Amino acid sequence: MIPPVADRFVAGEHPAQALEHARQLNERDIGAIMNLLGEHYHERGPAEEDAATYRRLLADIGRSPLDACVSVKPSQIGVQVEEAVFRENLREVVTQADRHGVFVWLDMEDHTTVDATLEAFCDLVVEHPDVGLCLQANMKRTPEDLARLADLPGKVRLVKGAYDPPPELAYREKSRVNEAYRELLEQAFRTFDGGVAVGSHDPVMVAHARDLHEAYGTDFEVQMLMGVREGAQTDLARDLPVYQYVPYGTKWLSYFYRRLMENKENALFAARAVVSG
C-alpha cells in the first residue's frame, strides 16, 4: 500500500487505481499518460511480464471512454536484456495499442540505450503511426536525432533530461540545457508535422511553445508530472491540450525518492506530511 506521503506523486499500486485517477483527471479536461513503474531489467522474464501488463492495460483503456495513453520505458521491456527481446515486446505492445486505438509513448533513458531506442522507433512508426518518442535536450546529439524524425509519422516529446550522461555527450549547465531546449522546440515546431509534446513544468518554455504554435501552426500539447504544478495543469487545460504523467505499481519507492530530490518544494512537502502524520 502506498502511504499518504507518496500518493501525491503515484496513483496507486494497481491498474484500477491508475484508471480511476485518469477518470478524475479527465473531469478537469486533463489527459493521462499511464506508466507502470519498473526499469533496468536484465532478465527476460520480468520484461515480458511488464509487457504483458501493458497489453492488459491498453485493453482496459480501449474499452473505456478515457482520454488516456501509455508511456513505456525501453529498459522495462528488455533493451538491457537483448535488443531482439526489446523489439519483440515493443511491437506486441504497440500492436495491442493499435487494436484498441490507444497512443503509446516510448521513453528515452540513459545514453547507453539511445541508439537502440531510436532505431526501434524509426522502424516501428512507419507501420504504427500512433507512437511517440521522447528526446532529451541535454544530449548534444538531439538536434540530429530530431532531424532524422522529421520525415516520419508519430509525435515527439521534448524534455530537458533527467539522466547523467558523460560530459562529452551532454550539457551540464542548467542555462545551456535551457538554451538547447528552446532551440529544439523551435526546430520541432518548424520541421515536425506529427505534433510536439512539451514535457516541461517551466512556464517560460510553455509560453515559448505558444509563440511557436502561432508562428508555425504545429499542433502541441503540454505534459507534466502527477503532483507537480497541479494548479497550473488545470489552468493550462482551459485552452491547451494537457496530459499528466500517471505512474503506478508496486515499484513506487525509487520513483517517489527521485521526485523528492528534484527540488526543495517536494522535500518540504514530504517533511510536513511526515510531521503532521
Protein backbone atom coordinates (compact mmCIF):
# COMPACT_ATOMS: atom_id res chain seq x y z
CA MET A 1 0.00 0.00 0.00
CA ILE A 2 1.31 3.45 -0.91
CA PRO A 3 1.49 5.74 2.15
CA PRO A 4 -0.26 9.13 2.04
CA VAL A 5 3.07 10.94 1.80
CA ALA A 6 3.74 9.29 -1.59
CA ASP A 7 0.28 9.29 -3.15
CA ARG A 8 0.74 12.85 -4.36
CA PHE A 9 3.15 11.50 -6.97
CA VAL A 10 1.96 7.90 -7.55
CA ALA A 11 -1.60 6.90 -8.44
CA GLY A 12 -1.57 3.55 -6.63
CA GLU A 13 -0.19 0.07 -6.83
CA HIS A 14 -2.93 -1.39 -9.05
CA PRO A 15 -4.20 -0.60 -12.55
CA ALA A 16 -7.73 0.11 -11.29
CA GLN A 17 -6.37 2.92 -9.12
CA ALA A 18 -4.49 4.46 -12.03
CA LEU A 19 -7.56 4.22 -14.25
CA GLU A 20 -9.65 5.94 -11.59
CA HIS A 21 -7.05 8.70 -11.33
CA ALA A 22 -7.22 9.08 -15.12
CA ARG A 23 -11.01 9.41 -14.89
CA GLN A 24 -10.65 12.18 -12.31
CA LEU A 25 -8.11 13.96 -14.49
CA ASN A 26 -10.47 13.81 -17.44
CA GLU A 27 -13.07 15.62 -15.34
CA ARG A 28 -10.56 18.51 -15.25
CA ASP A 29 -10.03 18.22 -19.04
CA ILE A 30 -6.58 16.72 -18.50
CA GLY A 31 -5.49 13.53 -20.24
CA ALA A 32 -3.49 10.75 -18.59
CA ILE A 33 -0.18 9.20 -19.64
CA MET A 34 -0.11 5.94 -17.70
CA ASN A 35 3.18 4.32 -16.76
CA LEU A 36 3.74 1.04 -14.94
CA LEU A 37 6.72 1.65 -12.66
CA GLY A 38 9.71 -0.60 -13.33
CA GLU A 39 13.02 -0.31 -15.19
CA HIS A 40 16.51 -1.71 -15.76
CA TYR A 41 15.54 -5.36 -16.11
CA HIS A 42 18.40 -7.65 -17.09
CA GLU A 43 16.37 -10.87 -17.40
CA ARG A 44 13.76 -11.76 -19.98
CA GLY A 45 11.06 -12.86 -17.54
CA PRO A 46 10.35 -9.50 -15.83
CA ALA A 47 10.50 -7.68 -19.18
CA GLU A 48 7.90 -9.98 -20.68
CA GLU A 49 5.72 -9.77 -17.57
CA ASP A 50 5.61 -5.96 -17.72
CA ALA A 51 4.98 -6.02 -21.48
CA ALA A 52 2.01 -8.32 -20.82
CA THR A 53 0.76 -5.95 -18.11
CA TYR A 54 0.89 -3.09 -20.59
CA ARG A 55 -1.13 -5.10 -23.09
CA ARG A 56 -3.83 -5.69 -20.46
CA LEU A 57 -3.78 -2.00 -19.52
CA LEU A 58 -4.18 -1.00 -23.16
CA ALA A 59 -7.21 -3.24 -23.45
CA ASP A 60 -8.71 -1.66 -20.31
CA ILE A 61 -8.16 1.84 -21.69
CA GLY A 62 -9.56 0.86 -25.07
CA ARG A 63 -12.76 -0.45 -23.50
CA SER A 64 -13.24 2.76 -21.53
CA PRO A 65 -14.18 6.33 -22.52
CA LEU A 66 -10.95 7.64 -21.01
CA ASP A 67 -8.62 10.15 -22.62
CA ALA A 68 -5.51 8.17 -21.75
CA CYS A 69 -2.39 6.71 -23.33
CA VAL A 70 0.64 4.81 -22.02
CA SER A 71 4.36 5.51 -21.75
CA VAL A 72 6.84 2.64 -21.81
CA LYS A 73 10.49 2.56 -20.72
CA PRO A 74 12.83 0.56 -23.02
CA SER A 75 14.74 -0.90 -20.06
CA GLN A 76 11.43 -2.14 -18.69
CA ILE A 77 10.67 -4.27 -21.73
CA GLY A 78 14.08 -5.70 -22.47
CA VAL A 79 16.53 -3.27 -24.07
CA GLN A 80 19.17 -4.29 -21.49
CA VAL A 81 18.37 -7.97 -21.94
CA GLU A 82 18.77 -8.16 -25.70
CA GLU A 83 17.73 -5.79 -28.45
CA ALA A 84 15.62 -8.51 -30.12
CA VAL A 85 13.70 -9.02 -26.86
CA PHE A 86 13.07 -5.29 -26.59
CA ARG A 87 11.83 -5.02 -30.16
CA GLU A 88 9.58 -8.07 -29.84
CA ASN A 89 7.96 -6.79 -26.64
CA LEU A 90 7.60 -3.26 -28.01
CA ARG A 91 5.97 -4.50 -31.21
CA GLU A 92 3.48 -6.60 -29.24
CA VAL A 93 2.61 -3.63 -27.02
CA VAL A 94 2.15 -1.28 -29.98
CA THR A 95 0.13 -3.84 -31.94
CA GLN A 96 -2.21 -4.16 -28.96
CA ALA A 97 -2.42 -0.37 -28.76
CA ASP A 98 -3.43 -0.19 -32.43
CA ARG A 99 -6.08 -2.82 -31.81
CA HIS A 100 -7.66 -0.67 -29.09
CA GLY A 101 -6.99 2.79 -30.54
CA VAL A 102 -4.59 3.91 -27.80
CA PHE A 103 -1.46 6.02 -28.24
CA VAL A 104 1.94 4.78 -26.98
CA TRP A 105 4.88 6.92 -25.89
CA LEU A 106 8.36 5.42 -25.88
CA ASP A 107 10.50 6.98 -23.16
CA MET A 108 14.17 7.80 -23.60
CA GLU A 109 16.54 6.66 -20.87
CA ASP A 110 20.29 6.84 -20.26
CA HIS A 111 22.81 7.42 -23.05
CA THR A 112 23.66 3.72 -23.46
CA THR A 113 20.16 2.97 -24.76
CA VAL A 114 19.58 5.94 -27.07
CA ASP A 115 20.64 4.24 -30.32
CA ALA A 116 18.58 1.08 -29.72
CA THR A 117 15.54 3.14 -28.72
CA LEU A 118 15.79 5.48 -31.70
CA GLU A 119 16.30 2.65 -34.19
CA ALA A 120 13.35 0.67 -32.83
CA PHE A 121 11.09 3.72 -33.01
CA CYS A 122 12.10 4.61 -36.57
CA ASP A 123 11.41 1.07 -37.77
CA LEU A 124 8.12 0.75 -35.90
CA VAL A 125 6.46 4.12 -36.51
CA VAL A 126 6.24 3.55 -40.27
CA GLU A 127 3.71 0.76 -39.64
CA HIS A 128 2.26 2.14 -36.39
CA PRO A 129 1.98 5.94 -36.60
CA ASP A 130 0.23 6.33 -33.23
CA VAL A 131 3.55 6.17 -31.40
CA GLY A 132 5.67 8.97 -29.95
CA LEU A 133 9.30 9.22 -28.91
CA CYS A 134 10.91 11.21 -26.12
CA LEU A 135 14.11 13.19 -26.79
CA GLN A 136 16.33 14.88 -24.19
CA ALA A 137 17.59 18.44 -24.59
CA ASN A 138 20.72 17.90 -22.51
CA MET A 139 22.09 15.39 -25.04
CA LYS A 140 24.31 17.09 -27.62
CA ARG A 141 23.19 14.65 -30.34
CA THR A 142 19.48 15.50 -30.06
CA PRO A 143 19.28 18.10 -32.90
CA GLU A 144 20.47 15.41 -35.33
CA ASP A 145 18.11 12.82 -33.86
CA LEU A 146 15.20 15.24 -34.16
CA ALA A 147 16.11 16.00 -37.77
CA ARG A 148 16.05 12.27 -38.51
CA LEU A 149 12.47 12.04 -37.21
CA ALA A 150 11.17 14.98 -39.24
CA ASP A 151 10.05 12.90 -42.22
CA LEU A 152 8.44 10.15 -40.13
CA PRO A 153 4.92 9.93 -38.70
CA GLY A 154 4.33 9.89 -34.96
CA LYS A 155 4.94 12.54 -32.31
CA VAL A 156 7.96 13.80 -30.41
CA ARG A 157 8.15 14.69 -26.72
CA LEU A 158 10.90 17.08 -25.66
CA VAL A 159 12.22 17.01 -22.09
CA LYS A 160 15.28 18.60 -20.53
CA GLY A 161 16.74 15.24 -19.43
CA ALA A 162 16.82 13.53 -16.05
CA TYR A 163 19.81 11.24 -16.54
CA ASP A 164 23.52 11.96 -16.02
CA PRO A 165 25.44 11.28 -19.26
CA PRO A 166 29.20 11.79 -19.58
CA PRO A 167 30.12 15.47 -20.09
CA GLU A 168 31.41 14.85 -23.61
CA LEU A 169 27.89 13.71 -24.59
CA ALA A 170 25.71 16.18 -22.73
CA TYR A 171 25.35 19.72 -21.45
CA ARG A 172 25.67 20.06 -17.68
CA GLU A 173 24.93 23.74 -17.03
CA LYS A 174 21.27 24.48 -16.44
CA SER A 175 21.40 27.60 -18.58
CA ARG A 176 22.86 25.67 -21.53
CA VAL A 177 20.23 22.93 -21.20
CA ASN A 178 17.52 25.59 -21.19
CA GLU A 179 19.04 27.17 -24.29
CA ALA A 180 19.14 23.78 -26.02
CA TYR A 181 15.53 23.12 -25.06
CA ARG A 182 14.37 26.41 -26.59
CA GLU A 183 16.30 25.69 -29.78
CA LEU A 184 14.90 22.16 -30.03
CA LEU A 185 11.35 23.40 -29.53
CA GLU A 186 11.82 25.81 -32.42
CA GLN A 187 13.31 23.04 -34.59
CA ALA A 188 10.46 20.68 -33.73
CA PHE A 189 7.68 23.19 -34.40
CA ARG A 190 9.35 24.23 -37.65
CA THR A 191 10.05 20.76 -39.06
CA PHE A 192 7.87 18.17 -37.33
CA ASP A 193 4.36 17.60 -38.70
CA GLY A 194 3.19 14.85 -36.36
CA GLY A 195 2.81 17.00 -33.26
CA VAL A 196 5.01 18.13 -30.39
CA ALA A 197 4.71 17.38 -26.68
CA VAL A 198 6.26 19.97 -24.40
CA GLY A 199 7.44 17.91 -21.44
CA SER A 200 8.21 20.75 -19.06
CA HIS A 201 6.90 22.46 -15.93
CA ASP A 202 8.73 25.65 -16.88
CA PRO A 203 6.18 28.41 -17.66
CA VAL A 204 8.78 30.15 -19.84
CA MET A 205 9.02 27.10 -22.10
CA VAL A 206 5.26 26.70 -22.26
CA ALA A 207 4.93 30.36 -23.28
CA HIS A 208 7.65 29.83 -25.89
CA ALA A 209 5.68 26.87 -27.27
CA ARG A 210 2.59 29.05 -27.58
CA ASP A 211 4.58 31.57 -29.61
CA LEU A 212 5.98 28.83 -31.83
CA HIS A 213 2.48 27.45 -32.41
CA GLU A 214 1.39 30.90 -33.57
CA ALA A 215 4.40 31.11 -35.88
CA TYR A 216 4.27 27.62 -37.41
CA GLY A 217 0.79 26.24 -36.68
CA THR A 218 2.18 22.94 -35.38
CA ASP A 219 -0.09 21.04 -33.01
CA PHE A 220 1.27 20.67 -29.49
CA GLU A 221 0.37 19.51 -26.02
CA VAL A 222 1.84 20.12 -22.58
CA GLN A 223 2.91 17.16 -20.43
CA MET A 224 3.56 17.41 -16.70
CA LEU A 225 4.08 15.03 -13.79
CA MET A 226 1.49 13.97 -11.27
CA GLY A 227 1.94 16.02 -8.12
CA VAL A 228 3.91 18.86 -9.72
CA ARG A 229 2.25 22.20 -10.53
CA GLU A 230 -1.20 20.62 -10.43
CA GLY A 231 -2.89 24.04 -10.33
CA ALA A 232 -1.01 25.14 -13.42
CA GLN A 233 -2.10 21.96 -15.21
CA THR A 234 -5.75 22.80 -14.55
CA ASP A 235 -5.26 26.40 -15.67
CA LEU A 236 -3.45 25.43 -18.86
CA ALA A 237 -6.11 22.84 -19.72
CA ARG A 238 -8.63 25.65 -20.21
CA ASP A 239 -7.12 26.41 -23.61
CA LEU A 240 -4.39 23.83 -24.30
CA PRO A 241 -4.23 20.04 -24.52
CA VAL A 242 -2.62 18.96 -21.24
CA TYR A 243 -1.56 15.45 -20.22
CA GLN A 244 -0.39 14.29 -16.81
CA TYR A 245 2.17 11.51 -16.38
CA VAL A 246 0.47 8.97 -14.09
CA PRO A 247 2.81 6.35 -12.60
CA TYR A 248 1.50 3.35 -10.71
CA GLY A 249 2.69 -0.03 -9.46
CA THR A 250 4.44 -1.71 -6.59
CA LYS A 251 7.88 -0.33 -7.54
CA TRP A 252 6.96 3.16 -6.40
CA LEU A 253 9.62 3.84 -3.75
CA SER A 254 12.55 4.77 -6.01
CA TYR A 255 10.28 6.93 -8.20
CA PHE A 256 8.95 8.74 -5.13
CA TYR A 257 12.50 9.35 -3.89
CA ARG A 258 13.51 10.90 -7.24
CA ARG A 259 10.56 13.29 -7.07
CA LEU A 260 11.60 14.38 -3.58
CA MET A 261 15.19 15.01 -4.65
CA GLU A 262 14.22 17.11 -7.66
CA ASN A 263 13.52 20.29 -5.72
CA LYS A 264 13.20 21.76 -2.25
CA GLU A 265 9.42 22.20 -2.52
CA ASN A 266 8.87 18.45 -2.91
CA ALA A 267 11.17 17.65 0.02
CA LEU A 268 9.39 20.17 2.26
CA PHE A 269 6.05 18.67 1.27
CA ALA A 270 7.23 15.22 2.38
CA ALA A 271 8.69 16.55 5.65
CA ARG A 272 5.45 18.33 6.53
CA ALA A 273 3.43 15.21 5.73
CA VAL A 274 5.61 13.04 7.95
CA VAL A 275 5.42 15.51 10.87
CA SER A 276 1.66 16.01 10.61
CA GLY A 277 1.03 12.27 10.07
